[in-house]
Amino acid sequence: MAKLLPIDNNVKELRERHNNMTQGQLGELVGVTRQTVAAIEQRRYSPSLETAFRIAREFGVGLDDVFTWQGQS
């Protein structure tokens, strides 16, 4: 199994709370593919800062409501 990246997220939960939005719908809204959204949700890919802000804006929440740093200090 691939190592998970240190950035955790609530993207799937937010999608489900927003009328069960699909990964494809979110990808279209923020300018990435469905596969990219899936990889972000599975912590296999860290989004660019711009994409992270677009995701947060789409759900009307702050960046730290979507993404959390799980790295070591």
Protein backbone atom coordinates (compact mmCIF):
# COMPACT_ATOMS: atom_id res chain seq x y z
CA MET A 1 0.00 0.00 0.00
CA ALA A 2 1.27 3.48 -0.86
CA LYS A 3 2.24 5.81 1.93
CA LEU A 4 -0.42 8.43 2.69
CA LEU A 5 0.53 12.07 2.33
CA PRO A 6 0.58 14.20 5.52
CA ILE A 7 -2.37 16.36 4.47
CA ASP A 8 -5.71 14.96 5.64
CA ASN A 9 -8.98 16.31 4.25
CA ASN A 10 -12.75 16.38 4.56
CA VAL A 11 -13.48 16.62 0.84
CA LYS A 12 -15.62 13.48 0.66
CA GLU A 13 -17.69 14.50 3.70
CA LEU A 14 -18.21 18.00 2.29
CA ARG A 15 -19.27 16.60 -1.09
CA GLU A 16 -21.78 14.30 0.58
CA ARG A 17 -23.22 17.20 2.60
CA HIS A 18 -23.63 19.25 -0.57
CA ASN A 19 -26.39 17.27 -2.27
CA ASN A 20 -24.18 14.20 -2.70
CA MET A 21 -22.00 16.05 -5.20
CA THR A 22 -19.96 13.63 -7.28
CA GLN A 23 -16.19 13.72 -7.62
CA GLY A 24 -16.70 14.64 -11.27
CA GLN A 25 -18.96 17.56 -10.42
CA LEU A 26 -16.49 18.94 -7.89
CA GLY A 27 -13.63 18.46 -10.33
CA GLU A 28 -15.51 20.39 -12.99
CA LEU A 29 -16.24 23.24 -10.58
CA VAL A 30 -12.63 23.61 -9.44
CA GLY A 31 -10.86 22.78 -12.72
CA VAL A 32 -9.44 19.31 -12.10
CA THR A 33 -10.39 15.77 -13.17
CA ARG A 34 -12.54 13.32 -11.25
CA GLN A 35 -9.42 11.20 -10.82
CA THR A 36 -7.63 14.12 -9.16
CA VAL A 37 -10.49 14.61 -6.70
CA ALA A 38 -10.41 10.87 -5.92
CA ALA A 39 -6.64 10.99 -5.33
CA ILE A 40 -7.01 14.02 -3.03
CA GLU A 41 -9.73 12.28 -1.01
CA GLN A 42 -7.58 9.14 -0.69
CA ARG A 43 -4.55 11.22 0.42
CA ARG A 44 -2.50 10.02 -2.54
CA TYR A 45 -2.18 13.53 -4.00
CA SER A 46 -1.82 16.96 -2.40
CA PRO A 47 -3.63 19.66 -4.35
CA SER A 48 -1.98 22.89 -5.38
CA LEU A 49 -2.68 25.81 -3.09
CA GLU A 50 -4.91 27.30 -5.77
CA THR A 51 -6.97 24.11 -6.07
CA ALA A 52 -7.23 23.82 -2.29
CA PHE A 53 -8.61 27.37 -2.09
CA ARG A 54 -11.05 26.65 -4.93
CA ILE A 55 -12.34 23.55 -3.14
CA ALA A 56 -12.83 25.46 0.12
CA ARG A 57 -14.57 28.32 -1.69
CA GLU A 58 -16.89 25.90 -3.49
CA PHE A 59 -18.11 24.58 -0.13
CA GLY A 60 -18.20 28.02 1.49
CA VAL A 61 -15.75 27.08 4.25
CA GLY A 62 -12.24 28.01 5.29
CA LEU A 63 -9.19 26.19 4.01
CA ASP A 64 -8.54 24.65 7.42
CA ASP A 65 -12.10 23.26 7.44
CA VAL A 66 -11.16 21.18 4.39
CA PHE A 67 -7.47 20.36 4.86
CA THR A 68 -5.46 19.48 7.96
CA TRP A 69 -1.71 19.02 8.23
CA GLN A 70 -0.91 15.65 9.83
CA GLY A 71 2.86 15.94 9.48
CA GLN A 72 5.36 15.83 12.27
CA SER A 73 6.64 19.03 13.80
